[in-house]
């Protein structure tokens, strides 16, 4: 979760659209995966075995500007 050399595309859609995309898998040769949800709580969180805990930001922070 903190490697910095993985480049993936993440999109946010409504739960209904997400369910449809997961069901239909509309892009040939590409498998879509559900990786999380947007929450009202600030910060990053990880859920393991039904328990949610804060995920500290790790990895390289690019400085632009």
Protein backbone atom coordinates (compact mmCIF):
# COMPACT_ATOMS: atom_id res chain seq x y z
CA UNK A 1 0.00 0.00 0.00
CA UNK A 2 2.95 2.34 0.10
CA UNK A 3 5.14 1.22 -2.83
CA UNK A 4 5.09 4.20 -5.23
CA UNK A 5 5.87 2.39 -8.45
CA UNK A 6 2.38 1.05 -9.13
CA UNK A 7 0.34 3.17 -11.49
CA UNK A 8 -3.35 2.37 -11.54
CA UNK A 9 -6.44 4.30 -12.50
CA UNK A 10 -8.95 4.86 -9.71
CA UNK A 11 -12.41 6.25 -10.33
CA UNK A 12 -15.23 7.14 -7.96
CA UNK A 13 -18.80 6.34 -8.95
CA UNK A 14 -22.11 5.97 -7.14
CA UNK A 15 -22.71 2.63 -5.41
CA UNK A 16 -25.34 1.79 -8.04
CA UNK A 17 -22.98 2.52 -10.95
CA UNK A 18 -20.20 0.62 -9.18
CA UNK A 19 -22.38 -2.46 -8.82
CA UNK A 20 -23.32 -2.25 -12.51
CA UNK A 21 -19.68 -1.87 -13.61
CA UNK A 22 -18.59 -4.81 -11.46
CA UNK A 23 -21.42 -6.94 -12.84
CA UNK A 24 -20.95 -5.99 -16.51
CA UNK A 25 -17.13 -5.58 -16.68
CA UNK A 26 -17.57 -3.36 -19.77
CA UNK A 27 -13.92 -3.06 -20.93
CA UNK A 28 -12.58 -6.05 -22.86
CA UNK A 29 -9.19 -7.19 -21.57
CA UNK A 30 -9.45 -5.20 -18.35
CA UNK A 31 -10.88 -6.47 -15.06
CA UNK A 32 -12.39 -3.83 -12.77
CA UNK A 33 -12.04 -4.27 -8.98
CA UNK A 34 -13.80 -2.63 -6.05
CA UNK A 35 -11.11 -1.30 -3.71
CA UNK A 36 -12.94 0.96 -1.30
CA UNK A 37 -15.54 3.56 -0.55
CA UNK A 38 -15.66 7.29 0.12
CA UNK A 39 -16.50 7.97 3.76
CA UNK A 40 -17.45 11.09 5.66
CA UNK A 41 -14.54 10.43 8.06
CA UNK A 42 -11.35 12.31 7.22
CA UNK A 43 -8.21 10.30 6.52
CA UNK A 44 -7.35 6.93 5.04
CA UNK A 45 -8.75 3.72 6.49
CA UNK A 46 -8.23 0.01 5.94
CA UNK A 47 -10.65 -2.75 6.88
CA UNK A 48 -9.36 -6.20 7.73
CA UNK A 49 -11.38 -9.03 9.24
CA UNK A 50 -14.29 -6.66 9.80
CA UNK A 51 -12.20 -4.18 11.79
CA UNK A 52 -11.50 -0.68 10.47
CA UNK A 53 -8.33 1.15 11.48
CA UNK A 54 -6.62 4.31 10.33
CA UNK A 55 -4.03 3.82 7.61
CA UNK A 56 -1.08 6.19 8.04
CA UNK A 57 0.10 7.88 4.84
CA UNK A 58 3.32 6.19 3.73
CA UNK A 59 5.52 6.30 0.67
CA UNK A 60 7.11 9.13 -1.22
CA UNK A 61 5.48 12.56 -1.25
CA UNK A 62 6.11 14.42 -4.50
CA UNK A 63 6.75 18.15 -4.13
CA UNK A 64 5.42 20.13 -7.09
CA UNK A 65 5.49 23.84 -7.50
